[in-house]
Amino acid sequence: MSKNKISINSNNSYAQALFELANEENSLKKIEEQVLAISKLINVSEEFRYLIKNPTTSLDDLIKVMETISEKNDFDNLLKRFLVFLIQKRRFFYLEKILIDFLEVCSKSRGEIKAELFSAKELSETDISNIKEELSQNFGANIKLNYKYDPNLIGGLVLKVGSTMVDNSIKNKLQQIQKQMLEA
């Protein structure tokens, strides 16, 4: 094992293995981009999602499909071999979870902290960028911010950073008032 090897704890040994192999081959950034592309394909294509989850699809057919996708998208050879390996080990139906875990391991290796922001009002890119910058300064780390517009909040914001949550929404305040009234 080399001294400069980065090891981030992961509950998913497949994701961890792909991370370590990609890191050793200095192709981490390229593979991360390609994994994002596969994740996007899973999210937008019902047919592809069905193909992954369908236990009756033959291994040969799965391999052919993935080789075609890999060739058309010029996937890194390591990623191609990894996908075929998952198919051969009959773990391909876990692909989505493995890819999500891989992206999380990559994020942690860069020292990023995952944050979620929900707002009752749609925020501009500038607002989101300013919030992300403020969080980065406050936490002393890179923040990977996932923003979602949620009109059900009525007003205000909900912010989750790591295990910390700040709920400053009107919906939450109304629920607290309702709870106090029921307890009285």
Protein backbone atom coordinates (compact mmCIF):
# COMPACT_ATOMS: atom_id res chain seq x y z
CA MET A 1 0.00 0.00 0.00
CA SER A 2 1.45 3.35 -1.02
CA LYS A 3 1.91 6.15 1.51
CA ASN A 4 -0.07 8.72 -0.48
CA LYS A 5 -3.11 6.50 -0.85
CA ILE A 6 -6.30 8.20 0.26
CA SER A 7 -8.67 6.00 2.21
CA ILE A 8 -12.11 7.23 3.15
CA ASN A 9 -14.43 5.00 5.16
CA SER A 10 -17.36 3.71 3.17
CA ASN A 11 -20.03 1.17 4.00
CA ASN A 12 -20.00 0.19 0.35
CA SER A 13 -16.90 -1.85 -0.46
CA TYR A 14 -17.56 -1.67 -4.21
CA ALA A 15 -17.67 2.13 -4.13
CA GLN A 16 -14.54 2.21 -1.97
CA ALA A 17 -12.74 -0.20 -4.32
CA LEU A 18 -13.59 1.90 -7.39
CA PHE A 19 -12.42 5.02 -5.58
CA GLU A 20 -9.08 3.49 -4.59
CA LEU A 21 -8.43 2.02 -8.05
CA ALA A 22 -9.32 5.30 -9.77
CA ASN A 23 -7.11 7.20 -7.34
CA GLU A 24 -4.18 4.84 -7.98
CA GLU A 25 -4.58 5.30 -11.74
CA ASN A 26 -4.89 9.10 -11.41
CA SER A 27 -8.23 8.96 -13.21
CA LEU A 28 -10.48 9.90 -10.31
CA LYS A 29 -11.81 13.13 -11.82
CA LYS A 30 -12.61 11.51 -15.17
CA ILE A 31 -14.32 8.52 -13.57
CA GLU A 32 -16.29 10.77 -11.22
CA GLU A 33 -17.63 12.71 -14.23
CA GLN A 34 -18.55 9.46 -15.97
CA VAL A 35 -20.25 8.10 -12.84
CA LEU A 36 -22.29 11.32 -12.70
CA ALA A 37 -23.33 10.69 -16.32
CA ILE A 38 -24.44 7.12 -15.51
CA SER A 39 -26.35 8.37 -12.43
CA LYS A 40 -28.09 10.94 -14.62
CA LEU A 41 -28.99 8.20 -17.12
CA ILE A 42 -30.48 6.10 -14.32
CA ASN A 43 -32.58 9.07 -13.18
CA VAL A 44 -33.90 10.05 -16.61
CA SER A 45 -34.28 6.69 -18.34
CA GLU A 46 -36.98 4.39 -17.06
CA GLU A 47 -35.81 1.72 -19.54
CA PHE A 48 -32.26 1.79 -18.21
CA ARG A 49 -33.49 1.67 -14.61
CA TYR A 50 -35.66 -1.35 -15.54
CA LEU A 51 -32.70 -3.02 -17.23
CA ILE A 52 -30.61 -2.64 -14.07
CA LYS A 53 -33.32 -3.96 -11.74
CA ASN A 54 -34.70 -6.74 -13.96
CA PRO A 55 -33.40 -10.09 -12.67
CA THR A 56 -34.42 -11.89 -15.86
CA THR A 57 -32.02 -9.97 -18.11
CA SER A 58 -29.18 -12.25 -19.11
CA LEU A 59 -25.65 -11.38 -18.03
CA ASP A 60 -24.50 -11.40 -21.66
CA ASP A 61 -27.20 -8.90 -22.64
CA LEU A 62 -26.29 -6.62 -19.73
CA ILE A 63 -22.62 -6.76 -20.65
CA LYS A 64 -23.40 -5.94 -24.29
CA VAL A 65 -25.57 -2.98 -23.31
CA MET A 66 -22.98 -1.60 -20.89
CA GLU A 67 -20.15 -2.09 -23.40
CA THR A 68 -22.19 -0.17 -25.99
CA ILE A 69 -22.92 2.66 -23.54
CA SER A 70 -19.28 2.68 -22.44
CA GLU A 71 -17.99 2.87 -26.02
CA LYS A 72 -20.44 5.58 -27.10
CA ASN A 73 -19.55 7.72 -24.08
CA ASP A 74 -15.82 6.96 -24.16
CA PHE A 75 -15.76 5.64 -20.59
CA ASP A 76 -12.45 5.07 -18.88
CA ASN A 77 -11.28 1.46 -19.21
CA LEU A 78 -11.31 1.03 -15.42
CA LEU A 79 -14.96 2.03 -15.24
CA LYS A 80 -15.85 -0.30 -18.13
CA ARG A 81 -14.17 -3.21 -16.36
CA PHE A 82 -15.83 -2.27 -13.08
CA LEU A 83 -19.31 -2.28 -14.63
CA VAL A 84 -18.70 -5.67 -16.25
CA PHE A 85 -17.36 -6.97 -12.93
CA LEU A 86 -20.59 -5.89 -11.16
CA ILE A 87 -22.63 -7.69 -13.80
CA GLN A 88 -20.56 -10.87 -13.55
CA LYS A 89 -20.81 -10.83 -9.73
CA ARG A 90 -24.58 -10.34 -10.03
CA ARG A 91 -24.41 -7.02 -8.19
CA PHE A 92 -25.54 -4.81 -11.05
CA PHE A 93 -28.93 -4.20 -9.46
CA TYR A 94 -27.01 -2.29 -6.74
CA LEU A 95 -25.45 -0.01 -9.36
CA GLU A 96 -27.33 3.15 -8.37
CA LYS A 97 -26.39 2.80 -4.67
CA ILE A 98 -22.76 1.99 -5.53
CA LEU A 99 -22.49 5.07 -7.76
CA ILE A 100 -24.06 7.34 -5.13
CA ASP A 101 -21.66 5.98 -2.51
CA PHE A 102 -18.72 6.43 -4.88
CA LEU A 103 -19.62 10.09 -5.43
CA GLU A 104 -19.93 10.58 -1.68
CA VAL A 105 -16.49 9.03 -1.09
CA CYS A 106 -15.04 11.37 -3.74
CA SER A 107 -16.69 14.34 -2.07
CA LYS A 108 -15.36 13.36 1.37
CA SER A 109 -11.87 12.90 -0.04
CA ARG A 110 -11.93 16.55 -1.14
CA GLY A 111 -13.03 17.61 2.35
CA GLU A 112 -16.49 18.66 1.20
CA ILE A 113 -19.39 18.83 3.60
CA LYS A 114 -22.81 17.93 2.28
CA ALA A 115 -25.55 20.51 2.87
CA GLU A 116 -29.19 20.77 1.86
CA LEU A 117 -31.13 23.99 1.55
CA PHE A 118 -34.90 24.17 1.21
CA SER A 119 -36.67 27.48 0.68
CA ALA A 120 -40.27 28.57 0.34
CA LYS A 121 -39.23 31.14 -2.27
CA GLU A 122 -37.18 30.30 -5.35
CA LEU A 123 -33.65 31.59 -4.88
CA SER A 124 -31.47 32.98 -7.63
CA GLU A 125 -28.10 31.43 -8.50
CA THR A 126 -26.47 34.47 -6.85
CA ASP A 127 -28.40 33.88 -3.61
CA ILE A 128 -27.46 30.20 -3.60
CA SER A 129 -23.84 31.03 -4.32
CA ASN A 130 -23.76 33.60 -1.49
CA ILE A 131 -25.26 31.09 0.96
CA LYS A 132 -22.77 28.44 -0.13
CA GLU A 133 -19.87 30.87 0.33
CA GLU A 134 -21.11 31.92 3.77
CA LEU A 135 -21.46 28.28 4.84
CA SER A 136 -17.97 27.50 3.55
CA GLN A 137 -16.53 30.32 5.66
CA ASN A 138 -18.51 29.33 8.76
CA PHE A 139 -17.63 25.63 8.55
CA GLY A 140 -14.10 26.10 7.25
CA ALA A 141 -14.66 23.54 4.49
CA ASN A 142 -15.94 23.21 0.96
CA ILE A 143 -19.70 22.90 0.96
CA LYS A 144 -21.54 20.75 -1.54
CA LEU A 145 -24.95 22.42 -1.49
CA ASN A 146 -28.09 20.74 -2.77
CA TYR A 147 -30.84 23.34 -3.18
CA LYS A 148 -34.55 22.56 -3.47
CA TYR A 149 -37.52 24.88 -3.77
CA ASP A 150 -40.33 23.77 -1.42
CA PRO A 151 -43.49 25.93 -1.48
CA ASN A 152 -44.97 23.79 1.34
CA LEU A 153 -42.70 25.63 3.79
CA ILE A 154 -44.98 28.68 3.39
CA GLY A 155 -42.04 30.99 4.19
CA GLY A 156 -38.46 30.83 5.45
CA LEU A 157 -35.65 28.32 5.03
CA VAL A 158 -34.57 24.88 6.20
CA LEU A 159 -30.83 24.21 6.20
CA LYS A 160 -29.16 20.87 6.90
CA VAL A 161 -25.37 20.77 7.15
CA GLY A 162 -24.02 17.38 8.09
CA SER A 163 -26.02 16.34 11.14
CA THR A 164 -27.05 19.91 12.03
CA MET A 165 -30.45 21.22 10.97
CA VAL A 166 -31.80 24.75 11.23
CA ASP A 167 -35.51 24.99 10.50
CA ASN A 168 -36.60 28.62 10.24
CA SER A 169 -39.70 27.93 8.19
CA ILE A 170 -43.17 29.24 8.92
CA LYS A 171 -44.48 25.69 8.54
CA ASN A 172 -42.26 24.57 11.43
CA LYS A 173 -43.27 27.54 13.58
CA LEU A 174 -46.96 26.77 12.97
CA GLN A 175 -46.37 23.13 13.91
CA GLN A 176 -44.67 24.22 17.15
CA ILE A 177 -47.61 26.51 18.02
CA GLN A 178 -50.06 23.70 17.26
CA LYS A 179 -48.09 21.32 19.49
CA GLN A 180 -48.05 23.86 22.35
CA MET A 181 -51.80 24.38 22.02
CA LEU A 182 -52.47 20.64 22.10
CA GLU A 183 -50.30 20.19 25.20
CA ALA A 184 -52.03 23.05 27.07
